[in-house]
Amino acid sequence: MSITLITGGSRGLGRNTALNVAHQGGDVVITYRSQREEADAVLAEIAAIGRQAIALQLDTGDVAGFPDFVARLRNSLQATWQRESFDHLVNNAGHGDYALIEQTTEAQFDRLVNVHFKGVFFLTQALLPLLADGGRIVNLSTGLTRISAPGWAAYAAVKGAIEVLTVYMAKELGSRGIAVNTVAPGAIETDFFGGAVRDTPEFNRVFAGMTALGRVGVPDDIGPMIAGLLSPANRWVNAQRIEVSGGQGI
């Protein structure tokens, strides 16, 4: 039985990934920033599948809070599973911020860097003592690192940094048998960026028109893929950027 830690697992792609991990027989730790009720709902769904799960509060943009999170995680692993380690880390938590380069504020930029890059770097660093040898790390990126769209420069740039970081993680953690990959979704119908792709017909139409399969994605297009990447069947996939976009922008 494996234990997968998914940041931002209370909704969207994180929630879908957690449920798919449970369906494949794994147990789950999810984090949430402020929506405890949403996290509890995910725990109930996982319990209905017959797997164990816990939820821990975490702000992935607050590096100073990571030591406390690691201590709480360590205690929870021991109390729930009588283990001192977990097997998989999915760095999923994040947010969108749309602004043209000339209009981007320093506050917007700093928040994107703190959550999507600095937070991922130092949270992974803090969790390495608890991550089992032979484990897996999946970092979330975006299709916007391959194709450009005005207004997404800062967001795409920090995700580009994550793609480079993934390669270096794979190199440095290979001696422990830990595989590290990036998953880059295309446009997905979630509440990301205020649910823009899901709830704005024009956004939805534009992105669907850019996609070979003629529609935007849904969480069920992404969660099963990430869960599958964590399985032993994909143990030889390492240091890769895997785009899951239905053929966006080809």
Protein backbone atom coordinates (compact mmCIF):
# COMPACT_ATOMS: atom_id res chain seq x y z
CA MET A 1 0.00 0.00 0.00
CA SER A 2 1.38 3.42 -1.01
CA ILE A 3 0.78 6.84 0.53
CA THR A 4 0.55 9.84 -1.79
CA LEU A 5 0.82 13.45 -0.60
CA ILE A 6 -1.04 15.86 -2.90
CA THR A 7 -0.82 19.59 -2.28
CA GLY A 8 -3.98 21.49 -3.09
CA GLY A 9 -5.92 18.25 -2.98
CA SER A 10 -9.26 19.64 -1.84
CA ARG A 11 -10.49 20.65 -5.30
CA GLY A 12 -9.81 20.63 -9.03
CA LEU A 13 -7.01 18.50 -10.38
CA GLY A 14 -5.69 17.73 -6.90
CA ARG A 15 -9.04 16.32 -5.79
CA ASN A 16 -9.37 14.27 -8.96
CA THR A 17 -5.86 12.90 -8.56
CA ALA A 18 -6.54 11.96 -4.94
CA LEU A 19 -9.68 10.04 -5.89
CA ASN A 20 -7.89 8.22 -8.70
CA VAL A 21 -5.01 7.26 -6.41
CA ALA A 22 -7.58 5.84 -4.00
CA HIS A 23 -9.32 3.94 -6.79
CA GLN A 24 -5.96 2.37 -7.63
CA GLY A 25 -5.58 1.15 -4.04
CA GLY A 26 -3.47 3.91 -2.52
CA ASP A 27 -3.95 6.01 0.60
CA VAL A 28 -3.73 9.78 0.47
CA VAL A 29 -2.65 12.89 2.35
CA ILE A 30 -4.15 16.06 0.90
CA THR A 31 -3.37 19.63 1.82
CA TYR A 32 -5.69 22.62 1.72
CA ARG A 33 -5.03 26.31 2.29
CA SER A 34 -8.35 27.55 3.69
CA GLN A 35 -11.29 25.40 2.52
CA ARG A 36 -11.51 22.77 5.27
CA GLU A 37 -15.06 21.77 4.29
CA GLU A 38 -13.97 20.96 0.74
CA ALA A 39 -11.07 18.91 2.11
CA ASP A 40 -13.41 16.99 4.42
CA ALA A 41 -15.67 16.20 1.47
CA VAL A 42 -12.70 14.65 -0.38
CA LEU A 43 -11.84 12.59 2.68
CA ALA A 44 -15.41 11.27 2.78
CA GLU A 45 -15.24 10.30 -0.90
CA ILE A 46 -11.97 8.46 -0.36
CA ALA A 47 -13.37 6.67 2.68
CA ALA A 48 -16.32 5.54 0.54
CA ILE A 49 -13.80 3.97 -1.86
CA GLY A 50 -12.37 2.03 1.07
CA ARG A 51 -9.06 3.85 1.44
CA GLN A 52 -7.60 6.00 4.21
CA ALA A 53 -6.93 9.71 3.85
CA ILE A 54 -6.11 12.71 6.00
CA ALA A 55 -6.11 16.47 5.31
CA LEU A 56 -3.55 18.95 6.62
CA GLN A 57 -3.59 22.74 6.32
CA LEU A 58 -0.73 24.23 4.31
CA ASP A 59 0.00 27.49 2.54
CA THR A 60 2.49 26.45 -0.15
CA GLY A 61 3.60 30.05 -0.57
CA ASP A 62 4.72 30.36 3.07
CA VAL A 63 8.14 28.76 3.36
CA ALA A 64 8.38 29.73 7.04
CA GLY A 65 5.46 27.42 7.77
CA PHE A 66 7.05 24.32 6.25
CA PRO A 67 8.86 23.02 9.37
CA ASP A 68 5.57 22.98 11.28
CA PHE A 69 3.85 21.22 8.37
CA VAL A 70 6.55 18.55 8.23
CA ALA A 71 6.20 17.96 11.97
CA ARG A 72 2.42 17.61 11.66
CA LEU A 73 2.82 15.29 8.68
CA ARG A 74 5.33 13.13 10.56
CA ASN A 75 2.95 12.78 13.49
CA SER A 76 0.00 12.02 11.21
CA LEU A 77 1.88 9.34 9.29
CA GLN A 78 2.73 7.61 12.55
CA ALA A 79 -0.75 7.95 14.03
CA THR A 80 -2.67 6.89 10.89
CA TRP A 81 -0.38 4.37 9.19
CA GLN A 82 2.31 3.61 11.77
CA ARG A 83 4.84 4.73 9.20
CA GLU A 84 7.64 7.28 9.15
CA SER A 85 7.55 7.89 5.41
CA PHE A 86 5.28 8.40 2.42
CA ASP A 87 5.79 7.25 -1.17
CA HIS A 88 4.64 9.91 -3.64
CA LEU A 89 4.62 13.71 -3.71
CA VAL A 90 2.39 15.60 -6.15
CA ASN A 91 3.19 19.32 -6.16
CA ASN A 92 -0.18 20.47 -7.45
CA ALA A 93 -1.25 23.50 -5.38
CA GLY A 94 -1.38 26.77 -7.25
CA HIS A 95 -3.34 29.66 -8.66
CA GLY A 96 -3.57 31.69 -11.85
CA ASP A 97 -2.90 35.39 -12.28
CA TYR A 98 -3.58 37.06 -15.61
CA ALA A 99 -1.81 40.32 -16.55
CA LEU A 100 0.11 41.63 -19.52
CA ILE A 101 3.82 42.14 -18.85
CA GLU A 102 3.47 45.94 -18.77
CA GLN A 103 0.65 45.65 -16.22
CA THR A 104 2.04 42.93 -13.91
CA THR A 105 2.63 44.15 -10.36
CA GLU A 106 5.48 43.05 -8.15
CA ALA A 107 2.94 41.62 -5.70
CA GLN A 108 1.41 39.44 -8.42
CA PHE A 109 4.83 38.31 -9.56
CA ASP A 110 6.04 37.51 -6.03
CA ARG A 111 2.93 35.47 -5.22
CA LEU A 112 3.34 33.40 -8.38
CA VAL A 113 7.01 32.77 -7.64
CA ASN A 114 6.36 31.95 -3.98
CA VAL A 115 3.59 29.44 -4.67
CA HIS A 116 4.64 27.87 -7.95
CA PHE A 117 8.44 27.86 -7.72
CA LYS A 118 9.99 28.83 -4.39
CA GLY A 119 7.31 26.93 -2.48
CA VAL A 120 7.71 23.80 -4.59
CA PHE A 121 11.50 23.92 -4.26
CA PHE A 122 11.62 24.33 -0.49
CA LEU A 123 8.62 22.15 0.34
CA THR A 124 10.16 19.29 -1.62
CA GLN A 125 13.46 19.93 0.15
CA ALA A 126 11.73 19.83 3.54
CA LEU A 127 9.89 16.61 2.70
CA LEU A 128 12.84 14.65 1.33
CA PRO A 129 13.66 13.03 4.70
CA LEU A 130 10.10 11.63 4.80
CA LEU A 131 9.91 10.55 1.13
CA ALA A 132 10.64 6.86 0.77
CA ASP A 133 13.47 5.63 -1.43
CA GLY A 134 12.06 4.39 -4.72
CA GLY A 135 9.30 6.99 -4.51
CA ARG A 136 7.87 9.40 -7.06
CA ILE A 137 7.52 13.15 -7.43
CA VAL A 138 5.17 14.78 -9.93
CA ASN A 139 5.35 18.54 -10.45
CA LEU A 140 2.51 20.34 -12.20
CA SER A 141 3.27 22.72 -15.05
CA THR A 142 1.14 24.07 -17.90
CA GLY A 143 0.74 23.89 -21.65
CA LEU A 144 1.52 27.62 -21.65
CA THR A 145 5.24 26.87 -21.38
CA ARG A 146 5.08 25.49 -24.94
CA ILE A 147 2.58 27.84 -26.57
CA SER A 148 2.20 31.50 -25.63
CA ALA A 149 -0.89 33.53 -24.82
CA PRO A 150 -0.72 37.23 -23.87
CA GLY A 151 -1.32 37.82 -20.18
CA TRP A 152 0.23 34.62 -18.90
CA ALA A 153 3.93 35.56 -19.03
CA ALA A 154 4.68 35.49 -15.31
CA TYR A 155 2.64 32.35 -14.66
CA ALA A 156 4.19 30.49 -17.58
CA ALA A 157 7.69 31.63 -16.63
CA VAL A 158 7.49 30.16 -13.12
CA LYS A 159 6.09 26.95 -14.56
CA GLY A 160 9.02 26.89 -16.97
CA ALA A 161 11.29 27.08 -13.94
CA ILE A 162 9.49 24.05 -12.50
CA GLU A 163 10.16 22.08 -15.67
CA VAL A 164 13.89 22.78 -15.36
CA LEU A 165 13.80 22.02 -11.63
CA THR A 166 12.18 18.65 -12.37
CA VAL A 167 15.16 17.56 -14.46
CA TYR A 168 17.58 18.53 -11.70
CA MET A 169 15.49 16.78 -9.06
CA ALA A 170 15.52 13.62 -11.17
CA LYS A 171 19.31 13.82 -11.47
CA GLU A 172 20.01 14.49 -7.81
CA LEU A 173 17.44 12.04 -6.39
CA GLY A 174 18.20 9.21 -8.82
CA SER A 175 20.62 7.64 -6.35
CA ARG A 176 17.64 7.07 -4.05
CA GLY A 177 15.57 5.52 -6.86
CA ILE A 178 13.17 8.47 -6.86
CA ALA A 179 11.68 9.32 -10.27
CA VAL A 180 10.61 12.91 -10.91
CA ASN A 181 8.41 14.10 -13.77
CA THR A 182 6.41 17.12 -14.86
CA VAL A 183 2.78 16.89 -15.99
CA ALA A 184 1.65 19.86 -18.08
CA PRO A 185 -2.14 20.11 -18.49
CA GLY A 186 -3.74 22.17 -21.22
CA ALA A 187 -6.85 24.27 -20.63
CA ILE A 188 -9.05 22.45 -18.09
CA GLU A 189 -12.56 23.09 -16.78
CA THR A 190 -11.90 23.67 -13.08
CA ASP A 191 -12.20 26.65 -10.73
CA PHE A 192 -8.63 27.64 -11.64
CA PHE A 193 -8.41 31.41 -12.27
CA GLY A 194 -11.96 31.86 -11.07
CA GLY A 195 -13.29 29.06 -13.26
CA ALA A 196 -12.52 31.07 -16.42
CA VAL A 197 -12.21 28.11 -18.80
CA ARG A 198 -15.20 26.34 -17.28
CA ASP A 199 -17.55 29.29 -16.89
CA THR A 200 -16.64 31.75 -19.66
CA PRO A 201 -18.03 30.54 -23.01
CA GLU A 202 -15.59 32.64 -25.05
CA PHE A 203 -12.52 31.30 -23.20
CA ASN A 204 -13.86 27.78 -23.55
CA ARG A 205 -14.50 28.21 -27.27
CA VAL A 206 -11.05 29.69 -27.98
CA PHE A 207 -9.14 26.95 -26.17
CA ALA A 208 -11.34 24.22 -27.65
CA GLY A 209 -10.53 25.60 -31.09
CA MET A 210 -6.80 25.33 -30.32
CA THR A 211 -7.10 21.65 -29.38
CA ALA A 212 -6.91 18.77 -31.83
CA LEU A 213 -9.68 16.84 -30.06
CA GLY A 214 -11.98 19.85 -30.29
CA ARG A 215 -12.72 20.50 -26.63
CA VAL A 216 -11.07 21.70 -23.46
CA GLY A 217 -10.08 19.20 -20.81
CA VAL A 218 -11.84 18.14 -17.63
CA PRO A 219 -10.30 16.89 -14.38
CA ASP A 220 -11.00 13.27 -15.38
CA ASP A 221 -8.55 13.77 -18.24
CA ILE A 222 -5.70 14.58 -15.85
CA GLY A 223 -6.16 12.81 -12.50
CA PRO A 224 -6.04 9.26 -13.91
CA MET A 225 -2.88 10.09 -15.85
CA ILE A 226 -1.07 11.38 -12.75
CA ALA A 227 -2.22 8.40 -10.70
CA GLY A 228 -1.00 6.08 -13.45
CA LEU A 229 2.37 7.82 -13.53
CA LEU A 230 2.77 7.01 -9.83
CA SER A 231 2.16 3.30 -10.37
CA PRO A 232 4.97 0.69 -10.57
CA ALA A 233 4.06 0.16 -14.23
CA ASN A 234 5.65 3.54 -14.99
CA ARG A 235 8.78 3.13 -12.87
CA TRP A 236 11.09 3.86 -15.85
CA VAL A 237 9.51 7.20 -16.77
CA ASN A 238 11.83 9.85 -15.36
CA ALA A 239 12.86 13.49 -15.94
CA GLN A 240 10.10 13.99 -18.50
CA ARG A 241 7.68 16.80 -19.33
CA ILE A 242 4.43 15.05 -20.20
CA GLU A 243 1.79 17.29 -21.73
CA VAL A 244 -1.82 16.20 -21.24
CA SER A 245 -3.75 18.64 -23.39
CA GLY A 246 -5.67 16.76 -26.05
CA GLY A 247 -3.24 18.12 -28.64
CA GLN A 248 -3.45 21.81 -27.78
CA GLY A 249 -1.77 24.21 -30.17
CA ILE A 250 -0.44 21.65 -32.64
